[in-house]
Amino acid sequence: MNSKQVIGIDGCRAGWCLIGLENNDYFFELHAQLHSIFTQHPQAILFLIDMPMGLASKGELRVLEKLARQELSPGFGSSVFTPPCYEVLKAKSYEEAKMINLKITGKSLSIQSWNLVAKMRELDHFIRQHSSLHHRIFESHPEINFKNLNKGKALQHRKNAPNKQGIEERLRILSSYDTTLPDYFLKFRKVYPKTKVKDDDLLDAFSLCLTAYLGANHQLKIIQSPVRNQPQFFPNRLATYIPANHND
């Protein structure tokens, strides 16, 4: 394995869940604030984060969710939620956010999107303040990564399936690339309670980290809209990895 550090980041109840890989060794951290990740890991060559970046403002169009659902169809397209427009980041309440989003986009706002607004606001502020990091930070979607790591085959179970079938299926996929990874998952699972970080947060962060590693050592696939009417400040793009034996 390459010794250069790569990092996967997923939002969680405690803040941000981080899985990193360096010198063949995984490490796990929880951060209350996003900026501390980059302060503590300035040497990382690639960060993949499961959070919308580059929200569309009034008159702009973000089509990444449509592209992501196409990647996951059939079966898992519903795992992709529609993020709010940029103006919602200023909202102080869910009711205000719904009103703003309806006025600008013509659509209301799901409670799932609203529950992530604080993290989207934090991420938006960070990337606006650190343009020098834009070439190292990519939005990524764990379920797209799992499907691609599974040679393009749709998964059988959702992450929250009964009897941990979804968790075990994804661990099997990850272990086909690194047999030590499930042991790290079990080790890290014991560090913090599920009130701070859930199983699927940890699993998603592992998928982001492994995808970052494979992409850094081979080549990332960038899913990017051909539509010109995009947020100007940050490019709409999703990063994933396509293995050589994809669709075999």
Protein backbone atom coordinates (compact mmCIF):
# COMPACT_ATOMS: atom_id res chain seq x y z
CA MET A 1 0.00 0.00 0.00
CA ASN A 2 1.02 3.58 -0.59
CA SER A 3 2.21 5.28 2.61
CA LYS A 4 0.59 8.64 1.81
CA GLN A 5 -2.31 9.61 4.04
CA VAL A 6 -5.90 9.58 2.77
CA ILE A 7 -9.03 10.37 4.77
CA GLY A 8 -12.76 9.59 4.61
CA ILE A 9 -15.19 11.83 6.51
CA ASP A 10 -18.83 11.20 7.41
CA GLY A 11 -21.16 13.26 9.54
CA CYS A 12 -22.32 11.70 12.81
CA ARG A 13 -24.16 12.59 16.01
CA ALA A 14 -20.95 13.74 17.71
CA GLY A 15 -19.87 15.85 14.74
CA TRP A 16 -17.62 14.27 12.14
CA CYS A 17 -16.41 10.68 11.94
CA LEU A 18 -12.99 10.25 10.34
CA ILE A 19 -11.29 7.10 9.06
CA GLY A 20 -7.78 7.61 7.74
CA LEU A 21 -5.19 5.32 6.22
CA GLU A 22 -1.44 5.81 6.34
CA ASN A 23 1.46 3.36 6.24
CA ASN A 24 -0.93 0.38 5.98
CA ASP A 25 -2.65 1.39 9.21
CA TYR A 26 -6.19 2.72 9.67
CA PHE A 27 -6.97 5.31 12.32
CA PHE A 28 -10.28 6.57 13.66
CA GLU A 29 -11.14 9.98 15.10
CA LEU A 30 -14.24 11.95 16.06
CA HIS A 31 -14.14 15.72 15.59
CA ALA A 32 -16.67 18.16 16.98
CA GLN A 33 -15.59 20.73 14.38
CA LEU A 34 -14.69 20.11 10.76
CA HIS A 35 -11.75 22.50 10.65
CA SER A 36 -9.83 20.50 13.26
CA ILE A 37 -9.61 17.57 10.83
CA PHE A 38 -7.64 19.65 8.36
CA THR A 39 -5.59 21.31 11.09
CA GLN A 40 -4.50 17.92 12.43
CA HIS A 41 -4.00 16.28 9.02
CA PRO A 42 -2.43 18.88 6.70
CA GLN A 43 -0.35 16.18 5.01
CA ALA A 44 -3.30 14.13 3.70
CA ILE A 45 -3.33 14.00 -0.09
CA LEU A 46 -7.06 13.34 -0.47
CA PHE A 47 -10.21 13.90 1.60
CA LEU A 48 -13.53 12.32 0.58
CA ILE A 49 -16.56 13.60 2.47
CA ASP A 50 -20.17 12.45 2.44
CA MET A 51 -21.81 15.87 2.50
CA PRO A 52 -23.12 18.14 -0.28
CA MET A 53 -20.63 20.78 -1.43
CA GLY A 54 -21.32 23.68 -3.76
CA LEU A 55 -25.03 24.21 -3.09
CA ALA A 56 -26.97 25.94 -5.85
CA SER A 57 -27.99 29.53 -5.22
CA LYS A 58 -30.91 31.34 -6.86
CA GLY A 59 -30.77 30.90 -10.63
CA GLU A 60 -28.28 28.05 -10.42
CA LEU A 61 -28.80 24.33 -10.91
CA ARG A 62 -27.30 21.38 -9.06
CA VAL A 63 -27.89 18.04 -10.79
CA LEU A 64 -25.49 15.81 -8.85
CA GLU A 65 -28.34 14.09 -7.03
CA LYS A 66 -29.96 13.13 -10.33
CA LEU A 67 -26.63 11.72 -11.54
CA ALA A 68 -26.09 9.90 -8.23
CA ARG A 69 -29.55 8.30 -8.39
CA GLN A 70 -28.80 7.13 -11.92
CA GLU A 71 -25.62 5.50 -10.61
CA LEU A 72 -27.62 3.66 -7.95
CA SER A 73 -30.63 2.66 -10.04
CA PRO A 74 -32.42 0.40 -9.77
CA GLY A 75 -32.96 -0.16 -6.07
CA PHE A 76 -30.90 2.33 -4.09
CA GLY A 77 -31.64 5.69 -5.69
CA SER A 78 -33.74 6.68 -2.69
CA SER A 79 -30.59 6.74 -0.53
CA VAL A 80 -29.72 10.05 -2.23
CA PHE A 81 -31.52 12.99 -0.63
CA THR A 82 -32.04 16.37 -2.28
CA PRO A 83 -30.03 19.11 -0.54
CA PRO A 84 -31.39 22.61 -0.05
CA CYS A 85 -30.46 25.70 -2.02
CA TYR A 86 -27.62 27.81 -0.66
CA GLU A 87 -29.94 30.45 0.83
CA VAL A 88 -31.34 27.88 3.29
CA LEU A 89 -28.02 27.90 5.14
CA LYS A 90 -29.11 31.22 6.65
CA ALA A 91 -32.36 29.83 8.04
CA LYS A 92 -32.88 29.73 11.80
CA SER A 93 -35.69 27.14 11.84
CA TYR A 94 -37.10 24.29 9.78
CA GLU A 95 -40.21 26.30 8.93
CA GLU A 96 -38.09 29.21 7.68
CA ALA A 97 -35.89 26.81 5.70
CA LYS A 98 -38.92 25.23 3.98
CA MET A 99 -40.26 28.66 3.08
CA ILE A 100 -36.93 29.81 1.61
CA ASN A 101 -36.41 26.61 -0.37
CA LEU A 102 -39.97 26.69 -1.69
CA LYS A 103 -39.62 30.31 -2.81
CA ILE A 104 -36.33 29.76 -4.64
CA THR A 105 -36.63 26.20 -5.97
CA GLY A 106 -40.38 25.63 -6.00
CA LYS A 107 -39.93 22.65 -3.69
CA SER A 108 -40.22 22.22 0.05
CA LEU A 109 -37.44 20.74 2.17
CA SER A 110 -37.30 17.31 3.80
CA ILE A 111 -36.55 17.02 7.50
CA GLN A 112 -33.55 14.87 6.52
CA SER A 113 -32.06 17.79 4.60
CA TRP A 114 -32.82 20.23 7.40
CA ASN A 115 -31.11 17.99 9.95
CA LEU A 116 -27.91 18.29 7.91
CA VAL A 117 -28.06 22.04 7.33
CA ALA A 118 -25.73 22.85 10.24
CA LYS A 119 -23.07 20.51 8.83
CA MET A 120 -23.59 21.81 5.27
CA ARG A 121 -23.19 25.35 6.59
CA GLU A 122 -20.00 24.39 8.42
CA LEU A 123 -18.57 22.68 5.33
CA ASP A 124 -19.58 25.54 3.04
CA HIS A 125 -17.88 28.08 5.31
CA PHE A 126 -14.72 25.97 5.48
CA ILE A 127 -14.29 25.43 1.75
CA ARG A 128 -15.00 29.10 1.04
CA GLN A 129 -12.20 30.02 3.44
CA HIS A 130 -9.69 27.43 2.14
CA SER A 131 -9.63 27.54 -1.65
CA SER A 132 -6.09 26.13 -1.63
CA LEU A 133 -7.56 22.78 -0.49
CA HIS A 134 -10.19 22.49 -3.23
CA HIS A 135 -8.07 20.09 -5.29
CA ARG A 136 -7.86 17.71 -2.30
CA ILE A 137 -11.48 17.73 -1.07
CA PHE A 138 -14.17 15.84 -2.97
CA GLU A 139 -17.79 15.07 -2.23
CA SER A 140 -18.41 11.31 -2.35
CA HIS A 141 -21.37 8.99 -1.82
CA PRO A 142 -20.78 5.79 0.19
CA GLU A 143 -23.53 3.77 -1.53
CA ILE A 144 -22.09 4.58 -4.97
CA ASN A 145 -18.68 3.55 -3.65
CA PHE A 146 -20.01 0.25 -2.28
CA LYS A 147 -21.71 -0.57 -5.58
CA ASN A 148 -18.56 0.20 -7.56
CA LEU A 149 -16.37 -1.77 -5.15
CA ASN A 150 -18.85 -4.62 -5.64
CA LYS A 151 -17.85 -4.68 -9.34
CA GLY A 152 -20.87 -2.62 -10.32
CA LYS A 153 -23.37 -5.08 -8.88
CA ALA A 154 -26.30 -3.79 -6.84
CA LEU A 155 -26.14 -4.70 -3.16
CA GLN A 156 -28.72 -7.06 -1.69
CA HIS A 157 -29.39 -5.27 1.58
CA ARG A 158 -29.75 -1.73 2.85
CA LYS A 159 -27.39 -0.61 5.60
CA ASN A 160 -30.16 -0.72 8.20
CA ALA A 161 -31.42 -4.18 7.20
CA PRO A 162 -32.40 -6.56 10.05
CA ASN A 163 -29.78 -8.76 11.73
CA LYS A 164 -26.99 -6.51 10.46
CA GLN A 165 -27.20 -8.10 7.00
CA GLY A 166 -26.49 -4.74 5.36
CA ILE A 167 -23.50 -4.06 7.60
CA GLU A 168 -22.07 -7.54 7.02
CA GLU A 169 -22.57 -7.34 3.24
CA ARG A 170 -20.65 -4.06 3.08
CA LEU A 171 -17.89 -5.36 5.31
CA ARG A 172 -17.49 -8.34 2.96
CA ILE A 173 -17.13 -5.97 0.02
CA LEU A 174 -14.52 -3.88 1.83
CA SER A 175 -12.63 -6.98 2.98
CA SER A 176 -12.28 -8.14 -0.63
CA TYR A 177 -9.84 -5.23 -0.99
CA ASP A 178 -8.29 -5.36 2.48
CA THR A 179 -8.76 -8.42 4.69
CA THR A 180 -7.75 -6.47 7.82
CA LEU A 181 -10.52 -3.92 7.47
CA PRO A 182 -13.34 -5.80 9.29
CA ASP A 183 -11.06 -6.24 12.32
CA TYR A 184 -10.42 -2.50 12.36
CA PHE A 185 -14.16 -1.91 12.15
CA LEU A 186 -14.77 -4.10 15.22
CA LYS A 187 -11.88 -2.45 17.07
CA PHE A 188 -13.08 1.07 16.32
CA ARG A 189 -16.70 0.15 17.11
CA LYS A 190 -15.66 -0.25 20.76
CA VAL A 191 -14.07 3.20 21.06
CA TYR A 192 -17.22 5.34 21.14
CA PRO A 193 -20.86 4.49 21.95
CA LYS A 194 -23.52 4.45 19.23
CA THR A 195 -24.97 7.63 20.73
CA LYS A 196 -21.93 9.37 19.24
CA VAL A 197 -21.24 7.35 16.09
CA LYS A 198 -23.50 4.71 14.57
CA ASP A 199 -22.40 1.54 12.78
CA ASP A 200 -23.30 2.95 9.39
CA ASP A 201 -21.37 6.19 10.06
CA LEU A 202 -18.27 4.15 10.72
CA LEU A 203 -18.90 1.90 7.74
CA ASP A 204 -19.47 4.85 5.41
CA ALA A 205 -16.26 6.50 6.58
CA PHE A 206 -14.37 3.27 5.86
CA SER A 207 -15.84 3.17 2.33
CA LEU A 208 -14.79 6.77 1.76
CA CYS A 209 -11.29 6.09 3.06
CA LEU A 210 -10.79 2.95 0.98
CA THR A 211 -12.15 4.71 -2.11
CA ALA A 212 -9.76 7.60 -1.47
CA TYR A 213 -6.86 5.18 -1.18
CA LEU A 214 -7.73 3.29 -4.37
CA GLY A 215 -8.45 6.50 -6.23
CA ALA A 216 -5.20 8.11 -5.13
CA ASN A 217 -3.19 5.08 -6.18
CA HIS A 218 -5.04 4.39 -9.43
CA GLN A 219 -7.56 6.94 -10.62
CA LEU A 220 -10.65 8.56 -9.21
CA LYS A 221 -13.76 8.61 -11.36
CA ILE A 222 -15.28 12.07 -11.22
CA ILE A 223 -19.03 12.30 -11.80
CA GLN A 224 -19.63 15.86 -12.90
CA SER A 225 -22.56 17.64 -14.46
CA PRO A 226 -22.21 18.77 -18.07
CA VAL A 227 -24.69 21.56 -17.30
CA ARG A 228 -23.03 24.95 -17.35
CA ASN A 229 -25.44 26.60 -14.93
CA GLN A 230 -23.60 25.40 -11.82
CA PRO A 231 -22.61 27.02 -8.50
CA GLN A 232 -19.71 29.25 -9.43
CA PHE A 233 -17.74 29.09 -6.24
CA PHE A 234 -17.22 25.32 -6.08
CA PRO A 235 -17.55 22.69 -8.83
CA ASN A 236 -20.34 20.15 -8.49
CA ARG A 237 -18.61 16.79 -8.58
CA LEU A 238 -18.75 13.36 -6.97
CA ALA A 239 -15.63 11.23 -6.61
CA THR A 240 -15.64 7.44 -6.66
CA TYR A 241 -13.41 4.59 -7.81
CA ILE A 242 -14.05 2.06 -10.58
CA PRO A 243 -12.02 -1.17 -10.20
CA ALA A 244 -10.46 -2.71 -13.29
CA ASN A 245 -12.75 -5.77 -13.07
CA HIS A 246 -15.91 -3.64 -12.87
CA ASN A 247 -18.92 -5.42 -14.41
CA ASP A 248 -17.02 -8.70 -14.84
